[in-house]
Protein backbone atom coordinates (compact mmCIF):
# COMPACT_ATOMS: atom_id res chain seq x y z
CA MET A 1 28.82 -27.86 29.25
CA LYS A 2 27.74 -28.66 25.69
CA THR A 3 24.70 -26.80 24.36
CA VAL A 4 22.38 -27.49 21.44
CA VAL A 5 22.99 -24.04 19.89
CA LYS A 6 24.52 -20.78 21.03
CA THR A 7 22.20 -18.57 23.09
CA LYS A 8 22.22 -15.85 20.44
CA ASN A 9 21.05 -18.38 17.80
CA LEU A 10 18.19 -19.96 19.76
CA ARG A 11 15.35 -17.99 18.13
CA ALA A 12 16.87 -18.48 14.67
CA PHE A 13 17.04 -22.24 15.38
CA GLN A 14 13.31 -22.25 16.21
CA ILE A 15 12.51 -20.39 12.97
CA TRP A 16 14.73 -22.79 10.99
CA LEU A 17 12.84 -25.78 12.43
CA GLU A 18 9.52 -24.14 11.52
CA LYS A 19 10.76 -23.62 7.95
CA LEU A 20 11.61 -27.34 7.82
CA GLY A 21 8.00 -28.14 8.74
CA TYR A 22 8.27 -28.72 12.49
CA GLU A 23 5.50 -27.56 14.83
CA VAL A 24 7.34 -25.59 17.53
CA LYS A 25 5.81 -25.11 20.99
CA LYS A 26 7.45 -22.92 23.61
CA LEU A 27 8.03 -24.20 27.13
CA LYS A 28 8.48 -22.10 30.26
CA PHE A 29 11.48 -19.79 30.10
CA LYS A 30 13.65 -20.39 26.98
CA GLY A 31 12.92 -24.04 26.19
CA PHE A 32 10.80 -25.48 23.40
CA THR A 33 9.69 -28.70 21.75
CA ALA A 34 9.32 -29.37 18.05
CA ARG A 35 7.41 -32.21 16.39
CA ILE A 36 7.03 -33.38 12.82
CA SER A 37 5.13 -36.30 11.34
CA ASP A 38 6.69 -36.15 7.86
CA ARG A 39 7.85 -39.64 6.90
CA GLY A 40 10.62 -38.10 4.78
CA ILE A 41 12.40 -37.04 7.98
CA LYS A 42 14.36 -39.61 9.99
CA LYS A 43 12.19 -41.09 12.75
CA LYS A 44 14.76 -40.19 15.42
CA HIS A 45 14.29 -36.52 14.44
CA HIS A 46 10.48 -36.50 14.82
CA TYR A 47 10.65 -35.05 18.36
CA VAL A 48 13.11 -32.32 19.36
CA LEU A 49 13.46 -31.03 22.92
CA VAL A 50 15.52 -27.99 23.90
CA THR A 51 15.50 -27.09 27.61
CA ASP A 52 15.92 -23.64 29.13
CA GLY A 53 19.56 -24.53 29.86
CA LEU A 54 20.07 -25.11 26.11
CA ASN A 55 20.44 -28.85 26.66
CA GLY A 56 18.27 -31.32 24.83
CA ASN A 57 17.68 -34.76 23.42
CA PRO A 58 19.99 -36.38 20.81
CA ALA A 59 17.82 -35.11 17.93
CA ALA A 60 18.22 -31.54 19.18
CA PHE A 61 22.01 -31.89 19.32
CA GLU A 62 22.19 -33.36 15.80
CA LEU A 63 19.92 -30.72 14.28
CA GLY A 64 21.63 -27.98 16.30
CA LYS A 65 25.01 -29.02 14.91
CA GLU A 66 23.62 -29.02 11.37
CA PHE A 67 22.09 -25.57 11.98
CA GLU A 68 25.36 -24.11 13.33
CA GLU A 69 27.25 -25.52 10.31
CA HIS A 70 24.61 -23.97 8.06
CA LEU A 71 25.25 -20.57 9.66
CA SER A 72 29.03 -20.73 9.39
CA SER A 73 29.34 -21.95 5.79
CA PRO A 74 29.01 -19.73 2.71
CA ASP A 75 26.10 -20.39 0.35
CA ILE A 76 28.05 -22.23 -2.34
CA THR A 77 31.73 -22.20 -3.20
CA LEU A 78 33.01 -23.17 -6.60
CA ARG A 79 36.60 -23.56 -7.75
CA ALA A 80 37.21 -21.75 -11.03
CA LYS A 81 39.54 -23.08 -13.73
CA HIS A 82 42.46 -21.05 -12.41
CA GLY A 83 42.13 -22.23 -8.82
CA ARG A 84 40.28 -19.18 -7.51
CA VAL A 85 37.34 -19.70 -5.18
CA THR A 86 34.18 -17.80 -6.05
CA ASN A 87 31.13 -17.41 -3.82
CA VAL A 88 27.87 -17.87 -5.68
CA ALA A 89 24.70 -16.47 -4.17
């Protein structure tokens, strides 16, 4: 079964949404909703629902995927003149 985020990353996902300006409200058990009214955010991402089974609405899956990619990628990678890759913090 596909989940929005990994169980171990659920709280970090909530914090990430809060940092983006969402108002996060906890539901019973592990679930939560997040709302934003910022017109700079896509309308389809204005309401996010994550259930206690880590399922959710399409906005939750899209933002969850973006969040997981954010966790797995290094800050910035640059290719130097000689072909070496350097991480820049």
